[in-house]
Amino acid sequence: MARDSCLSRITAGVAVGGAVGGAVGAVYGTYEAIRYKVPGLLKIRYIGQTTLGSAAIFANLEVLTAIGNSGKVWHGGGWRFHSGFGQELSFGLAGN
């Protein structure tokens, strides 16, 4: 599989988004559970729900970003965008 294939970008996006989202969700869920005085063992459930929800949202955002950037290729002195319809846009440094 190519290094910059769309599938590898999606896989990396899910991994990074899930990890970052899970960490943010755990911290925020803990804060909310203490702030709203969630009783007893329901704190664990509340923190878990917040963690998983946040991880899912972050992972989806990372995947959408990876798919959106999958046509962007660095070519020498600038970026080239391939639309898939035979059109190509180039944004490069002066002289390219």
N, C-alpha and C. Protein backbone atom coordinates (compact mmCIF):
# COMPACT_ATOMS: atom_id res chain seq x y z
N MET A 1 0.84 -1.17 0.00
CA MET A 1 0.00 0.00 0.00
C MET A 1 0.89 1.24 0.00
N ALA A 2 0.52 2.23 -0.76
CA ALA A 2 1.30 3.45 -0.86
C ALA A 2 1.30 4.20 0.47
N ARG A 3 2.35 4.95 0.69
CA ARG A 3 2.50 5.65 1.96
C ARG A 3 1.41 6.71 2.17
N ASP A 4 1.03 7.39 1.12
CA ASP A 4 0.04 8.46 1.22
C ASP A 4 -1.31 8.06 0.65
N SER A 5 -1.63 6.78 0.70
CA SER A 5 -2.92 6.35 0.18
C SER A 5 -4.05 6.88 1.06
N CYS A 6 -5.22 6.95 0.49
CA CYS A 6 -6.38 7.47 1.23
C CYS A 6 -6.70 6.58 2.43
N LEU A 7 -6.58 5.28 2.27
CA LEU A 7 -6.89 4.37 3.37
C LEU A 7 -5.92 4.54 4.53
N SER A 8 -4.64 4.76 4.24
CA SER A 8 -3.68 4.96 5.33
C SER A 8 -3.93 6.28 6.04
N ARG A 9 -4.36 7.29 5.31
CA ARG A 9 -4.70 8.57 5.95
C ARG A 9 -5.93 8.44 6.84
N ILE A 10 -6.92 7.68 6.37
CA ILE A 10 -8.13 7.47 7.17
C ILE A 10 -7.79 6.69 8.44
N THR A 11 -6.97 5.66 8.30
CA THR A 11 -6.57 4.86 9.46
C THR A 11 -5.83 5.71 10.48
N ALA A 12 -4.91 6.52 10.01
CA ALA A 12 -4.17 7.40 10.92
C ALA A 12 -5.10 8.43 11.55
N GLY A 13 -6.06 8.93 10.78
CA GLY A 13 -7.02 9.90 11.30
C GLY A 13 -7.88 9.32 12.41
N VAL A 14 -8.33 8.08 12.22
CA VAL A 14 -9.13 7.43 13.25
C VAL A 14 -8.30 7.22 14.52
N ALA A 15 -7.06 6.79 14.36
CA ALA A 15 -6.21 6.53 15.51
C ALA A 15 -5.90 7.82 16.29
N VAL A 16 -5.48 8.84 15.58
CA VAL A 16 -5.13 10.10 16.24
C VAL A 16 -6.37 10.77 16.81
N GLY A 17 -7.43 10.83 16.03
CA GLY A 17 -8.66 11.47 16.51
C GLY A 17 -9.25 10.76 17.71
N GLY A 18 -9.24 9.43 17.67
CA GLY A 18 -9.76 8.67 18.80
C GLY A 18 -8.94 8.87 20.06
N ALA A 19 -7.62 8.91 19.90
CA ALA A 19 -6.75 9.09 21.07
C ALA A 19 -6.91 10.48 21.68
N VAL A 20 -6.87 11.49 20.84
CA VAL A 20 -7.01 12.87 21.33
C VAL A 20 -8.41 13.08 21.91
N GLY A 21 -9.43 12.62 21.18
CA GLY A 21 -10.80 12.78 21.67
C GLY A 21 -11.05 12.03 22.96
N GLY A 22 -10.47 10.84 23.09
CA GLY A 22 -10.63 10.08 24.32
C GLY A 22 -10.00 10.78 25.51
N ALA A 23 -8.83 11.34 25.30
CA ALA A 23 -8.15 12.06 26.38
C ALA A 23 -8.93 13.30 26.80
N VAL A 24 -9.39 14.07 25.80
CA VAL A 24 -10.16 15.27 26.10
C VAL A 24 -11.47 14.90 26.78
N GLY A 25 -12.13 13.85 26.28
CA GLY A 25 -13.39 13.42 26.88
C GLY A 25 -13.24 12.94 28.31
N ALA A 26 -12.15 12.24 28.59
CA ALA A 26 -11.93 11.76 29.96
C ALA A 26 -11.73 12.92 30.93
N VAL A 27 -10.95 13.90 30.52
CA VAL A 27 -10.71 15.06 31.38
C VAL A 27 -11.99 15.86 31.57
N TYR A 28 -12.69 16.12 30.47
CA TYR A 28 -13.92 16.92 30.56
C TYR A 28 -15.02 16.16 31.30
N GLY A 29 -15.13 14.84 31.06
CA GLY A 29 -16.12 14.05 31.76
C GLY A 29 -15.90 14.02 33.25
N THR A 30 -14.63 13.91 33.66
CA THR A 30 -14.30 13.94 35.08
C THR A 30 -14.68 15.28 35.70
N TYR A 31 -14.33 16.35 34.99
CA TYR A 31 -14.67 17.70 35.47
C TYR A 31 -16.18 17.86 35.63
N GLU A 32 -16.95 17.45 34.62
CA GLU A 32 -18.41 17.59 34.69
C GLU A 32 -19.02 16.71 35.78
N ALA A 33 -18.51 15.49 35.93
CA ALA A 33 -19.06 14.59 36.95
C ALA A 33 -18.86 15.17 38.35
N ILE A 34 -17.72 15.80 38.57
CA ILE A 34 -17.47 16.42 39.88
C ILE A 34 -18.30 17.69 40.03
N ARG A 35 -18.35 18.47 38.96
CA ARG A 35 -19.08 19.75 39.01
C ARG A 35 -20.57 19.55 39.27
N TYR A 36 -21.18 18.59 38.58
CA TYR A 36 -22.61 18.35 38.73
C TYR A 36 -22.95 17.34 39.82
N LYS A 37 -21.94 16.93 40.57
CA LYS A 37 -22.12 16.04 41.72
C LYS A 37 -22.89 14.77 41.34
N VAL A 38 -22.40 14.09 40.31
CA VAL A 38 -22.99 12.83 39.90
C VAL A 38 -22.72 11.81 41.01
N PRO A 39 -23.76 11.09 41.46
CA PRO A 39 -23.58 10.22 42.63
C PRO A 39 -22.87 8.90 42.33
N GLY A 40 -22.04 8.48 43.28
CA GLY A 40 -21.43 7.16 43.34
C GLY A 40 -20.83 6.62 42.06
N LEU A 41 -21.21 5.37 41.75
CA LEU A 41 -20.65 4.68 40.59
C LEU A 41 -21.17 5.23 39.26
N LEU A 42 -22.17 6.07 39.30
CA LEU A 42 -22.64 6.69 38.06
C LEU A 42 -21.58 7.62 37.47
N LYS A 43 -20.64 8.06 38.32
CA LYS A 43 -19.53 8.88 37.81
C LYS A 43 -18.73 8.13 36.75
N ILE A 44 -18.47 6.84 37.02
CA ILE A 44 -17.68 6.04 36.08
C ILE A 44 -18.43 5.91 34.76
N ARG A 45 -19.73 5.66 34.84
CA ARG A 45 -20.54 5.56 33.62
C ARG A 45 -20.55 6.88 32.87
N TYR A 46 -20.71 7.98 33.59
CA TYR A 46 -20.76 9.31 32.97
C TYR A 46 -19.44 9.64 32.29
N ILE A 47 -18.34 9.37 32.96
CA ILE A 47 -17.02 9.64 32.39
C ILE A 47 -16.79 8.77 31.15
N GLY A 48 -17.20 7.50 31.21
CA GLY A 48 -17.07 6.61 30.07
C GLY A 48 -17.87 7.06 28.87
N GLN A 49 -19.11 7.50 29.10
CA GLN A 49 -19.94 7.98 28.00
C GLN A 49 -19.34 9.23 27.37
N THR A 50 -18.85 10.14 28.19
CA THR A 50 -18.23 11.36 27.67
C THR A 50 -16.96 11.04 26.89
N THR A 51 -16.17 10.10 27.39
CA THR A 51 -14.94 9.71 26.72
C THR A 51 -15.22 9.12 25.35
N LEU A 52 -16.13 8.16 25.28
CA LEU A 52 -16.44 7.51 24.01
C LEU A 52 -17.09 8.48 23.02
N GLY A 53 -17.98 9.33 23.50
CA GLY A 53 -18.62 10.30 22.61
C GLY A 53 -17.61 11.28 22.03
N SER A 54 -16.73 11.77 22.85
CA SER A 54 -15.72 12.71 22.40
C SER A 54 -14.74 12.04 21.43
N ALA A 55 -14.35 10.80 21.72
CA ALA A 55 -13.45 10.07 20.83
C ALA A 55 -14.08 9.85 19.46
N ALA A 56 -15.36 9.52 19.43
CA ALA A 56 -16.06 9.31 18.16
C ALA A 56 -16.14 10.59 17.35
N ILE A 57 -16.44 11.70 17.99
CA ILE A 57 -16.55 12.97 17.27
C ILE A 57 -15.19 13.39 16.72
N PHE A 58 -14.15 13.31 17.53
CA PHE A 58 -12.81 13.68 17.08
C PHE A 58 -12.34 12.78 15.95
N ALA A 59 -12.61 11.48 16.05
CA ALA A 59 -12.20 10.54 15.00
C ALA A 59 -12.91 10.87 13.69
N ASN A 60 -14.20 11.17 13.75
CA ASN A 60 -14.93 11.54 12.54
C ASN A 60 -14.38 12.81 11.92
N LEU A 61 -14.06 13.79 12.74
CA LEU A 61 -13.50 15.04 12.21
C LEU A 61 -12.15 14.79 11.55
N GLU A 62 -11.32 13.96 12.16
CA GLU A 62 -10.01 13.64 11.58
C GLU A 62 -10.16 12.90 10.26
N VAL A 63 -11.13 11.99 10.18
CA VAL A 63 -11.35 11.24 8.93
C VAL A 63 -11.82 12.19 7.83
N LEU A 64 -12.73 13.09 8.16
CA LEU A 64 -13.20 14.05 7.15
C LEU A 64 -12.06 14.95 6.68
N THR A 65 -11.19 15.33 7.58
CA THR A 65 -10.03 16.14 7.20
C THR A 65 -9.09 15.33 6.31
N ALA A 66 -8.88 14.07 6.65
CA ALA A 66 -7.99 13.22 5.85
C ALA A 66 -8.55 13.01 4.45
N ILE A 67 -9.86 12.81 4.34
CA ILE A 67 -10.47 12.63 3.03
C ILE A 67 -10.41 13.93 2.24
N GLY A 68 -10.64 15.04 2.90
CA GLY A 68 -10.58 16.34 2.22
C GLY A 68 -9.20 16.68 1.71
N ASN A 69 -8.18 16.21 2.41
CA ASN A 69 -6.80 16.51 2.01
C ASN A 69 -6.18 15.41 1.15
N SER A 70 -6.94 14.37 0.82
CA SER A 70 -6.35 13.24 0.10
C SER A 70 -5.94 13.60 -1.32
N GLY A 71 -6.51 14.64 -1.90
CA GLY A 71 -6.12 15.06 -3.24
C GLY A 71 -4.98 16.04 -3.26
N LYS A 72 -4.50 16.44 -2.07
CA LYS A 72 -3.45 17.45 -1.98
C LYS A 72 -2.09 16.77 -2.02
N VAL A 73 -1.25 17.15 -2.95
CA VAL A 73 0.05 16.53 -3.12
C VAL A 73 1.11 17.62 -3.20
N TRP A 74 2.20 17.45 -2.46
CA TRP A 74 3.32 18.40 -2.52
C TRP A 74 4.18 18.04 -3.71
N HIS A 75 4.35 19.00 -4.62
CA HIS A 75 5.15 18.78 -5.82
C HIS A 75 6.26 19.81 -5.86
N GLY A 76 7.46 19.44 -5.52
CA GLY A 76 8.61 20.33 -5.62
C GLY A 76 8.43 21.62 -4.86
N GLY A 77 7.94 22.65 -5.54
CA GLY A 77 7.86 23.97 -4.92
C GLY A 77 6.47 24.39 -4.53
N GLY A 78 5.48 23.52 -4.60
CA GLY A 78 4.14 23.96 -4.25
C GLY A 78 3.15 22.82 -4.12
N TRP A 79 1.95 23.17 -3.75
CA TRP A 79 0.88 22.17 -3.59
C TRP A 79 0.15 22.00 -4.90
N ARG A 80 -0.23 20.77 -5.20
CA ARG A 80 -1.05 20.47 -6.36
C ARG A 80 -2.30 19.75 -5.89
N PHE A 81 -3.44 20.20 -6.35
CA PHE A 81 -4.70 19.60 -5.94
C PHE A 81 -5.29 18.85 -7.13
N HIS A 82 -5.58 17.57 -6.94
CA HIS A 82 -6.19 16.76 -7.98
C HIS A 82 -7.65 16.57 -7.61
N SER A 83 -8.55 17.01 -8.48
CA SER A 83 -9.97 16.96 -8.15
C SER A 83 -10.60 15.62 -8.48
N GLY A 84 -9.97 14.82 -9.30
CA GLY A 84 -10.57 13.56 -9.70
C GLY A 84 -11.35 13.68 -10.99
N PHE A 85 -11.52 14.88 -11.50
CA PHE A 85 -12.24 15.11 -12.74
C PHE A 85 -11.30 15.55 -13.85
N GLY A 86 -10.01 15.27 -13.70
CA GLY A 86 -9.04 15.66 -14.71
C GLY A 86 -8.56 17.09 -14.58
N GLN A 87 -9.05 17.80 -13.58
CA GLN A 87 -8.61 19.18 -13.38
C GLN A 87 -7.52 19.20 -12.31
N GLU A 88 -6.64 20.18 -12.44
CA GLU A 88 -5.55 20.28 -11.49
C GLU A 88 -5.30 21.74 -11.17
N LEU A 89 -5.16 22.06 -9.91
CA LEU A 89 -4.82 23.41 -9.47
C LEU A 89 -3.46 23.37 -8.83
N SER A 90 -2.65 24.38 -9.08
CA SER A 90 -1.31 24.43 -8.50
C SER A 90 -1.14 25.74 -7.74
N PHE A 91 -0.58 25.65 -6.56
CA PHE A 91 -0.21 26.81 -5.76
C PHE A 91 1.22 26.62 -5.34
N GLY A 92 2.10 27.40 -5.90
CA GLY A 92 3.51 27.18 -5.59
C GLY A 92 4.24 28.46 -5.25
N LEU A 93 5.51 28.30 -5.08
CA LEU A 93 6.39 29.43 -4.81
C LEU A 93 6.63 30.19 -6.10
N ALA A 94 7.10 31.40 -6.00
CA ALA A 94 7.34 32.23 -7.17
C ALA A 94 8.32 31.55 -8.12
N GLY A 95 7.98 31.52 -9.38
CA GLY A 95 8.86 30.94 -10.39
C GLY A 95 8.49 29.51 -10.75
N ASN A 96 7.53 28.93 -10.10
CA ASN A 96 7.12 27.54 -10.41
C ASN A 96 5.83 27.53 -11.18
